[in-house]
Every structure is written in C-alpha cells, then in structure tokens.
Amino acid sequence: MTRLRLTLASAEYDHFLDLTRGRVVPAGIDLVHLELSVETIFDRFLRLREWEISEMSFAKYCTLAASGDTSMVALPVFPLRAFRHSSLYVRDDSALEDPAALSGLVVGVPEWAQTAGVYVRGILEREYGVDLTSIRWVQAGVNEAGRSEKVSFQLPPGIDYIRRPDATLNQMLLDGEVDAIVSAHPPAAFGQGVRRLLRDPKAAELASWRSTGVHPIMHVVVVRRDVVEEAPWVPLSLYTAFAEARRRSLERAANVTVSPYLVPWWSEDAARLAGEQSDVSPYGIEPNRATLSSFLADGRRQGLWAAALAPEDLFDPELERTSRV
C-alpha cells in the first residue's frame, strides 16, 4: 500500500508528542507536523483548508457541522480540555464574588461561538441560576481590537448582544464599561488590576466535575473530507496513533519517581486524579458522553445550532463501528 503523506497542524502537546516526533507512526501514513498557534490554525483552516488534519475549536466545528458543512470529519480526539469556572474575570476592586450576581450586568466575550464561552454560559445557567437574557453581552477582542465571529449562527430571542470592533475587553473592563469578561485567554491586566471572579475557582471546578462528570472539551481533531473519501481507513489509523501517544504521555505524567515536568507535585496530582477517575481525559465517544451531551445542549440553547445533536452526529461513523471490539 502506498503511504499517504499528510500534514497535521496543532499546538505542541505532550500527549501528541510521540506522534508528532515520529515515535508513534500511524499505519499507512507519513505524518508531517506543523506547529502553530491555535488562533492561526483555526483561522487558516476555516478559511483555506490548507492542510489535511487540523486541531479545531470544538464549538466552531459543531456549529459548522450542524449547518450542513461536511468539509471536515471529526475524530473523538480532544487535544485540549480546560475547566472554565476560572474564565470569568473582574476588576480587582469589583464587589463581585458570586457568578449569580452577574444577572442584569454587562459581560464581555471575545466571540459568542468561542468554546470556553459556551461552557461558561452553561455553568452560569445551570449552577448559578443566571438568565442569559438578563445580561448585556459585548463582543470584542480580549487584548487586541478587531476580533470578529468566525462562524454564522442565530442568537436566541431575548439575547442582548452588541459588537465592539473598536475596543478591547481588557480596556473596557479596566474602564468600567463591562462588569466582567469571559475569556479562555487571560486579559493583559490579569494580576495588575484584574482578578478572577471566583476566589477559588479550582474548588468550584473540582466540585462541578465530581457532580456532573463534565470535563470540558475545548478542541477536537478534524480531517478534510476529501482525504477520508479517498482513503476511508485514515480516521481509524489516526485515532489509534493518537490514542497510543496519549497513553504514553499519561504514563510519563504519573511517574512519581522521575517526573518529566519541572512543576512541584505534578506527578502526585496526576496519580491522585487517575485514582479518582477511571480516565481523566479519555478519547472516544462513550467515555465522554456526559461532557458531549451537556455541551451540545448548551450550544443549542445559546443559538449556535438549531437542531438537537447527539454525540454520534459529530464524528466519523465508520470509526465508531470499526473501533468496537
């Protein structure tokens, strides 16, 4: 069989490292790795589809897939997860301590379709009883003006949403134009006039994880549709290789004797979490059903897609069938 030469564009992750460095080789594929910032990857792949395999915003992928865009095939491989109670920011002098108090206030977002924002708005609704229609939402770049939405969607009735291409959320927060901002990327003034709304977000995130089983998925791996149509075996080959690279990474992380990371208690924390959860960051559909279902319900309520989506609707169906034992 002739091997395919395919390019993967992603950030550099330890759980990709054995794959991107060639220590894990996907069957039938010669893989070239292109390391770029995720912002560049998302922008260029959404506009140009320049490479065959790409890291992609989970919210943007779901929005496009729900709209009928079939140009990408997703693998249930999740490069980035992040708990998002810590993604709410306020000024240091703000009296806000409880997310429930955001009702009736002005909140900035870098994009309505940013994955982190979908999770935060879901948290505000479910855990703190916030009516999203009570908030005035302002969209702008976090630290640079001119940021815009990358995908189309229809906001639900009652959502008050304005765009400020001339401003930054960081400066609007400092100036008091917004009461809080939601962002995956910390504002430039974080630690210098800006703090997290929750004083102990880790405690809230752990409590939420333990009660709901939701470990937020930020990004997904997608393959261009034309590649899969030409070689239907590619998704399974890639998925198997990604899974093996991840297994090796978790093995390194839990090594309490010789930790590969210069971070105190890293290995101990990894081993402890592995003991609490059967798998702290699984790939595949079924182990992530709670997270996927919660996210899809949140995105629909927030107007990113109109029809109800099931986790199975998002990923390559052939991969799901052939990976069963």
Protein backbone atom coordinates (compact mmCIF):
# COMPACT_ATOMS: atom_id res chain seq x y z
CA MET A 1 0.00 0.00 0.00
CA THR A 2 1.29 3.45 -0.88
CA ARG A 3 1.72 5.53 2.25
CA LEU A 4 -0.10 8.85 2.38
CA ARG A 5 1.83 11.98 3.26
CA LEU A 6 -0.48 14.06 5.45
CA THR A 7 0.09 17.23 7.44
CA LEU A 8 -1.26 17.77 10.95
CA ALA A 9 -1.47 21.35 12.25
CA SER A 10 -1.71 21.64 16.02
CA ALA A 11 -0.22 23.25 19.05
CA GLU A 12 2.53 21.27 20.77
CA TYR A 13 1.02 18.98 23.41
CA ASP A 14 2.80 16.34 25.42
CA HIS A 15 0.00 13.89 24.59
CA PHE A 16 0.73 14.47 20.88
CA LEU A 17 4.49 14.39 21.26
CA ASP A 18 5.19 10.74 20.48
CA LEU A 19 3.06 11.07 17.34
CA THR A 20 4.44 14.39 16.12
CA ARG A 21 8.06 13.32 16.84
CA GLY A 22 7.61 10.06 14.92
CA ARG A 23 7.88 7.65 17.85
CA VAL A 24 4.30 6.55 17.14
CA VAL A 25 3.63 6.02 13.43
CA PRO A 26 0.03 5.81 12.14
CA ALA A 27 -0.46 2.84 9.83
CA GLY A 28 -0.13 3.82 6.17
CA ILE A 29 0.62 7.48 6.89
CA ASP A 30 3.76 9.61 6.79
CA LEU A 31 2.80 12.43 9.12
CA VAL A 32 4.22 15.93 8.90
CA HIS A 33 3.58 18.17 11.91
CA LEU A 34 3.00 21.90 11.55
CA GLU A 35 3.18 23.68 14.91
CA LEU A 36 1.30 26.98 15.01
CA SER A 37 -0.74 28.97 17.50
CA VAL A 38 -4.29 27.68 17.78
CA GLU A 39 -5.63 31.07 16.70
CA THR A 40 -3.66 30.84 13.45
CA ILE A 41 -4.64 27.22 12.93
CA PHE A 42 -8.36 27.88 13.37
CA ASP A 43 -8.35 30.96 11.16
CA ARG A 44 -6.38 29.47 8.28
CA PHE A 45 -8.07 26.09 8.29
CA LEU A 46 -11.55 27.57 8.47
CA ARG A 47 -10.82 29.88 5.55
CA LEU A 48 -8.42 27.89 3.39
CA ARG A 49 -8.35 24.20 4.45
CA GLU A 50 -4.58 24.35 3.83
CA TRP A 51 -3.62 21.03 5.43
CA GLU A 52 -5.26 17.63 5.78
CA ILE A 53 -5.55 17.18 9.58
CA SER A 54 -6.18 20.01 11.97
CA GLU A 55 -6.82 20.92 15.55
CA MET A 56 -10.12 22.79 15.63
CA SER A 57 -12.33 24.74 18.02
CA PHE A 58 -14.99 22.34 19.23
CA ALA A 59 -17.77 24.95 19.19
CA LYS A 60 -16.89 26.11 15.70
CA TYR A 61 -16.77 22.56 14.39
CA CYS A 62 -20.17 21.74 15.91
CA THR A 63 -21.66 24.96 14.55
CA LEU A 64 -20.43 24.22 11.03
CA ALA A 65 -21.44 20.55 11.15
CA ALA A 66 -24.94 21.46 12.33
CA SER A 67 -25.28 23.99 9.49
CA GLY A 68 -24.63 21.29 6.88
CA ASP A 69 -20.93 21.92 6.28
CA THR A 70 -19.49 18.46 5.56
CA SER A 71 -15.97 19.52 4.60
CA MET A 72 -14.48 18.15 7.83
CA VAL A 73 -14.66 14.76 9.52
CA ALA A 74 -14.03 14.82 13.28
CA LEU A 75 -12.18 12.23 15.31
CA PRO A 76 -13.09 11.83 19.01
CA VAL A 77 -9.58 13.03 19.87
CA PHE A 78 -9.55 16.04 22.19
CA PRO A 79 -6.26 17.97 22.29
CA LEU A 80 -7.33 20.47 24.92
CA ARG A 81 -9.61 20.33 27.93
CA ALA A 82 -9.95 23.10 30.50
CA PHE A 83 -12.30 23.73 33.37
CA ARG A 84 -13.92 27.10 32.89
CA HIS A 85 -15.11 28.45 36.24
CA SER A 86 -11.72 30.20 36.15
CA SER A 87 -12.53 32.00 32.88
CA LEU A 88 -14.59 34.78 34.48
CA TYR A 89 -12.62 37.98 35.15
CA VAL A 90 -13.45 41.20 37.02
CA ARG A 91 -11.53 44.25 38.23
CA ASP A 92 -9.61 43.94 41.47
CA ASP A 93 -11.92 46.48 43.11
CA SER A 94 -15.10 44.73 42.00
CA ALA A 95 -17.54 43.64 44.67
CA LEU A 96 -18.46 40.59 42.57
CA GLU A 97 -17.65 37.29 44.26
CA ASP A 98 -20.58 35.13 43.13
CA PRO A 99 -21.32 34.42 39.45
CA ALA A 100 -25.04 34.56 40.28
CA ALA A 101 -24.61 38.32 40.73
CA LEU A 102 -23.89 38.76 37.01
CA SER A 103 -27.63 38.88 36.31
CA GLY A 104 -28.51 42.31 34.92
CA LEU A 105 -24.89 43.32 34.33
CA VAL A 106 -22.68 43.85 31.26
CA VAL A 107 -20.35 40.99 30.32
CA GLY A 108 -17.74 40.90 27.56
CA VAL A 109 -16.97 37.91 25.34
CA PRO A 110 -14.31 37.55 22.62
CA GLU A 111 -16.73 35.52 20.49
CA TRP A 112 -20.17 34.10 21.21
CA ALA A 113 -19.01 30.94 19.41
CA GLN A 114 -15.86 30.52 21.50
CA THR A 115 -15.94 27.08 23.10
CA ALA A 116 -14.93 28.37 26.53
CA GLY A 117 -17.80 30.85 26.42
CA VAL A 118 -20.34 28.12 25.66
CA TYR A 119 -19.22 26.26 28.77
CA VAL A 120 -19.18 29.36 30.98
CA ARG A 121 -22.68 30.42 29.93
CA GLY A 122 -23.88 26.87 30.58
CA ILE A 123 -22.30 26.99 34.04
CA LEU A 124 -23.95 30.35 34.74
CA GLU A 125 -27.35 28.93 33.81
CA ARG A 126 -27.15 25.52 35.48
CA GLU A 127 -25.03 26.13 38.55
CA TYR A 128 -25.80 29.75 39.39
CA GLY A 129 -29.31 30.30 38.02
CA VAL A 130 -28.35 33.19 35.74
CA ASP A 131 -30.82 34.11 32.99
CA LEU A 132 -28.62 34.81 29.96
CA THR A 133 -31.21 37.24 28.60
CA SER A 134 -30.71 39.43 31.68
CA ILE A 135 -27.12 40.19 30.68
CA ARG A 136 -25.94 42.68 28.08
CA TRP A 137 -23.25 40.85 26.10
CA VAL A 138 -20.44 42.81 24.43
CA GLN A 139 -18.22 41.11 21.84
CA ALA A 140 -14.67 42.37 21.26
CA GLY A 141 -11.08 41.15 21.16
CA VAL A 142 -9.59 40.38 24.55
CA ASN A 143 -6.33 42.29 24.15
CA GLU A 144 -6.48 43.40 20.51
CA ALA A 145 -9.30 45.27 18.79
CA GLY A 146 -10.97 43.95 15.66
CA ARG A 147 -11.76 40.37 16.59
CA SER A 148 -14.90 39.02 14.94
CA GLU A 149 -17.02 35.89 14.88
CA LYS A 150 -15.69 33.12 12.63
CA VAL A 151 -18.92 31.18 12.06
CA SER A 152 -22.55 32.15 11.48
CA PHE A 153 -25.31 31.49 13.99
CA GLN A 154 -28.71 32.78 15.07
CA LEU A 155 -28.91 34.18 18.58
CA PRO A 156 -31.96 33.08 20.57
CA PRO A 157 -34.73 35.59 21.30
CA GLY A 158 -34.02 37.96 24.15
CA ILE A 159 -30.22 37.91 23.97
CA ASP A 160 -28.83 41.45 24.07
CA TYR A 161 -25.58 41.28 22.10
CA ILE A 162 -23.51 44.06 20.57
CA ARG A 163 -20.17 44.09 18.77
CA ARG A 164 -17.35 46.50 19.55
CA PRO A 165 -14.67 46.07 16.87
CA ASP A 166 -13.05 49.32 18.02
CA ALA A 167 -12.35 48.21 21.58
CA THR A 168 -10.73 45.52 23.72
CA LEU A 169 -12.34 43.67 26.57
CA ASN A 170 -9.27 44.27 28.70
CA GLN A 171 -9.57 48.05 28.45
CA MET A 172 -13.37 48.08 28.72
CA LEU A 173 -13.09 46.11 31.95
CA LEU A 174 -10.50 48.50 33.37
CA ASP A 175 -12.62 51.49 32.30
CA GLY A 176 -15.80 50.06 33.83
CA GLU A 177 -17.64 49.69 30.51
CA VAL A 178 -18.18 46.00 31.27
CA ASP A 179 -18.59 44.43 34.69
CA ALA A 180 -16.90 41.13 33.83
CA ILE A 181 -15.44 39.28 30.89
CA VAL A 182 -15.50 35.63 29.83
CA SER A 183 -12.33 34.51 28.11
CA ALA A 184 -10.18 31.44 27.57
CA HIS A 185 -7.18 33.79 27.31
CA PRO A 186 -6.46 35.93 30.40
CA PRO A 187 -6.74 39.67 29.80
CA ALA A 188 -3.49 41.62 29.68
CA ALA A 189 -4.25 43.28 33.03
CA PHE A 190 -4.73 39.98 34.86
CA GLY A 191 -2.75 40.28 38.09
CA GLN A 192 -2.40 44.03 37.52
CA GLY A 193 -5.88 45.36 38.23
CA VAL A 194 -7.88 42.34 37.07
CA ARG A 195 -8.63 39.14 39.01
CA ARG A 196 -10.75 36.05 38.59
CA LEU A 197 -14.33 36.48 39.74
CA LEU A 198 -14.19 33.30 41.82
CA ARG A 199 -11.54 33.49 44.51
CA ASP A 200 -11.11 29.70 44.49
CA PRO A 201 -12.12 28.52 41.00
CA LYS A 202 -10.32 25.19 41.39
CA ALA A 203 -12.62 24.17 44.23
CA ALA A 204 -15.68 25.03 42.13
CA GLU A 205 -14.28 23.19 39.12
CA LEU A 206 -13.49 20.02 41.06
CA ALA A 207 -16.93 20.06 42.70
CA SER A 208 -18.61 20.50 39.32
CA TRP A 209 -16.55 17.70 37.74
CA ARG A 210 -17.32 15.29 40.54
CA SER A 211 -21.05 16.02 40.49
CA THR A 212 -21.61 16.15 36.72
CA GLY A 213 -18.80 14.14 35.14
CA VAL A 214 -18.26 17.04 32.70
CA HIS A 215 -14.57 17.63 31.89
CA PRO A 216 -14.85 20.42 29.30
CA ILE A 217 -13.58 19.62 25.81
CA MET A 218 -12.16 22.69 24.09
CA HIS A 219 -10.67 21.39 20.84
CA VAL A 220 -11.13 18.43 18.52
CA VAL A 221 -9.11 16.89 15.69
CA VAL A 222 -10.64 17.05 12.21
CA VAL A 223 -9.66 15.55 8.85
CA ARG A 224 -10.54 17.04 5.49
CA ARG A 225 -13.49 15.20 3.95
CA ASP A 226 -11.74 14.68 0.60
CA VAL A 227 -8.96 12.73 2.35
CA VAL A 228 -11.44 10.41 4.07
CA GLU A 229 -13.41 9.87 0.88
CA GLU A 230 -10.23 8.84 -0.92
CA ALA A 231 -8.90 6.70 1.96
CA PRO A 232 -11.69 5.68 4.42
CA TRP A 233 -9.14 3.86 6.61
CA VAL A 234 -7.40 7.10 7.61
CA PRO A 235 -9.60 8.01 10.63
CA LEU A 236 -9.02 4.67 12.36
CA SER A 237 -5.29 4.78 11.66
CA LEU A 238 -5.03 8.29 13.09
CA TYR A 239 -7.27 7.57 16.07
CA THR A 240 -5.20 4.52 17.03
CA ALA A 241 -1.98 6.53 16.83
CA PHE A 242 -3.35 9.49 18.80
CA ALA A 243 -4.57 7.10 21.50
CA GLU A 244 -1.18 5.44 21.82
CA ALA A 245 0.62 8.80 22.03
CA ARG A 246 -1.80 9.86 24.77
CA ARG A 247 -1.26 6.62 26.69
CA ARG A 248 2.48 7.23 26.72
CA SER A 249 2.00 10.82 27.85
CA LEU A 250 -0.20 9.85 30.80
CA GLU A 251 2.33 7.21 31.78
CA ARG A 252 5.02 9.89 31.90
CA ALA A 253 2.83 12.30 33.84
CA ALA A 254 2.09 9.76 36.58
CA ASN A 255 5.75 8.86 37.07
CA VAL A 256 6.36 9.88 40.69
CA THR A 257 9.97 8.65 40.66
CA VAL A 258 11.35 10.67 37.74
CA SER A 259 8.88 13.38 36.78
CA PRO A 260 9.41 14.86 33.29
CA TYR A 261 7.91 18.20 34.41
CA LEU A 262 9.61 20.91 36.48
CA VAL A 263 6.38 21.62 38.36
CA PRO A 264 6.06 20.70 42.07
CA TRP A 265 3.53 17.95 42.85
CA TRP A 266 2.67 17.46 39.17
CA SER A 267 3.18 13.71 39.19
CA GLU A 268 1.49 13.28 42.57
CA ASP A 269 -1.57 15.22 41.38
CA ALA A 270 -1.70 13.22 38.15
CA ALA A 271 -1.53 9.94 40.06
CA ARG A 272 -4.18 11.10 42.54
CA LEU A 273 -6.60 12.19 39.83
CA ALA A 274 -6.02 8.96 37.95
CA GLY A 275 -7.03 7.16 41.13
CA GLU A 276 -10.23 9.22 41.46
CA GLN A 277 -11.29 8.86 37.84
CA SER A 278 -11.01 5.76 35.66
CA ASP A 279 -9.56 8.07 32.99
CA VAL A 280 -9.07 11.77 33.48
CA SER A 281 -9.02 12.75 29.79
CA PRO A 282 -10.36 9.95 27.60
CA TYR A 283 -10.75 9.90 23.84
CA GLY A 284 -13.77 8.29 22.20
CA ILE A 285 -17.50 8.99 22.36
CA GLU A 286 -18.82 6.83 25.17
CA PRO A 287 -16.35 7.86 27.90
CA ASN A 288 -17.18 11.50 27.07
CA ARG A 289 -20.94 11.19 26.69
CA ALA A 290 -21.76 13.38 29.71
CA THR A 291 -19.43 16.14 28.54
CA LEU A 292 -20.51 15.97 24.90
CA SER A 293 -24.24 15.85 25.66
CA SER A 294 -24.04 18.76 28.10
CA PHE A 295 -22.08 20.88 25.62
CA LEU A 296 -24.44 20.12 22.73
CA ALA A 297 -27.46 21.05 24.84
CA ASP A 298 -25.80 24.30 25.94
CA GLY A 299 -24.82 25.26 22.39
CA ARG A 300 -28.35 24.70 21.14
CA ARG A 301 -29.89 26.84 23.91
CA GLN A 302 -27.37 29.56 23.10
CA GLY A 303 -28.30 29.64 19.41
CA LEU A 304 -25.18 28.11 17.86
CA TRP A 305 -27.21 25.34 16.24
CA ALA A 306 -30.96 24.91 15.86
CA ALA A 307 -31.41 21.15 15.76
CA ALA A 308 -30.75 18.75 18.61
CA LEU A 309 -27.41 16.99 18.13
CA ALA A 310 -26.26 13.70 19.61
CA PRO A 311 -22.57 12.92 20.19
CA GLU A 312 -22.71 10.31 17.44
CA ASP A 313 -23.68 13.02 14.94
CA LEU A 314 -20.28 14.70 15.30
CA PHE A 315 -17.76 12.00 14.49
CA ASP A 316 -16.77 9.65 11.70
CA PRO A 317 -19.36 6.83 11.84
CA GLU A 318 -17.04 4.28 10.28
CA LEU A 319 -14.51 4.88 13.04
CA GLU A 320 -17.15 4.23 15.70
CA ARG A 321 -18.13 0.92 14.07
CA THR A 322 -14.67 -0.43 13.31
CA SER A 323 -13.15 0.54 16.67
CA ARG A 324 -15.58 -1.66 18.63
CA VAL A 325 -14.15 -4.95 19.91
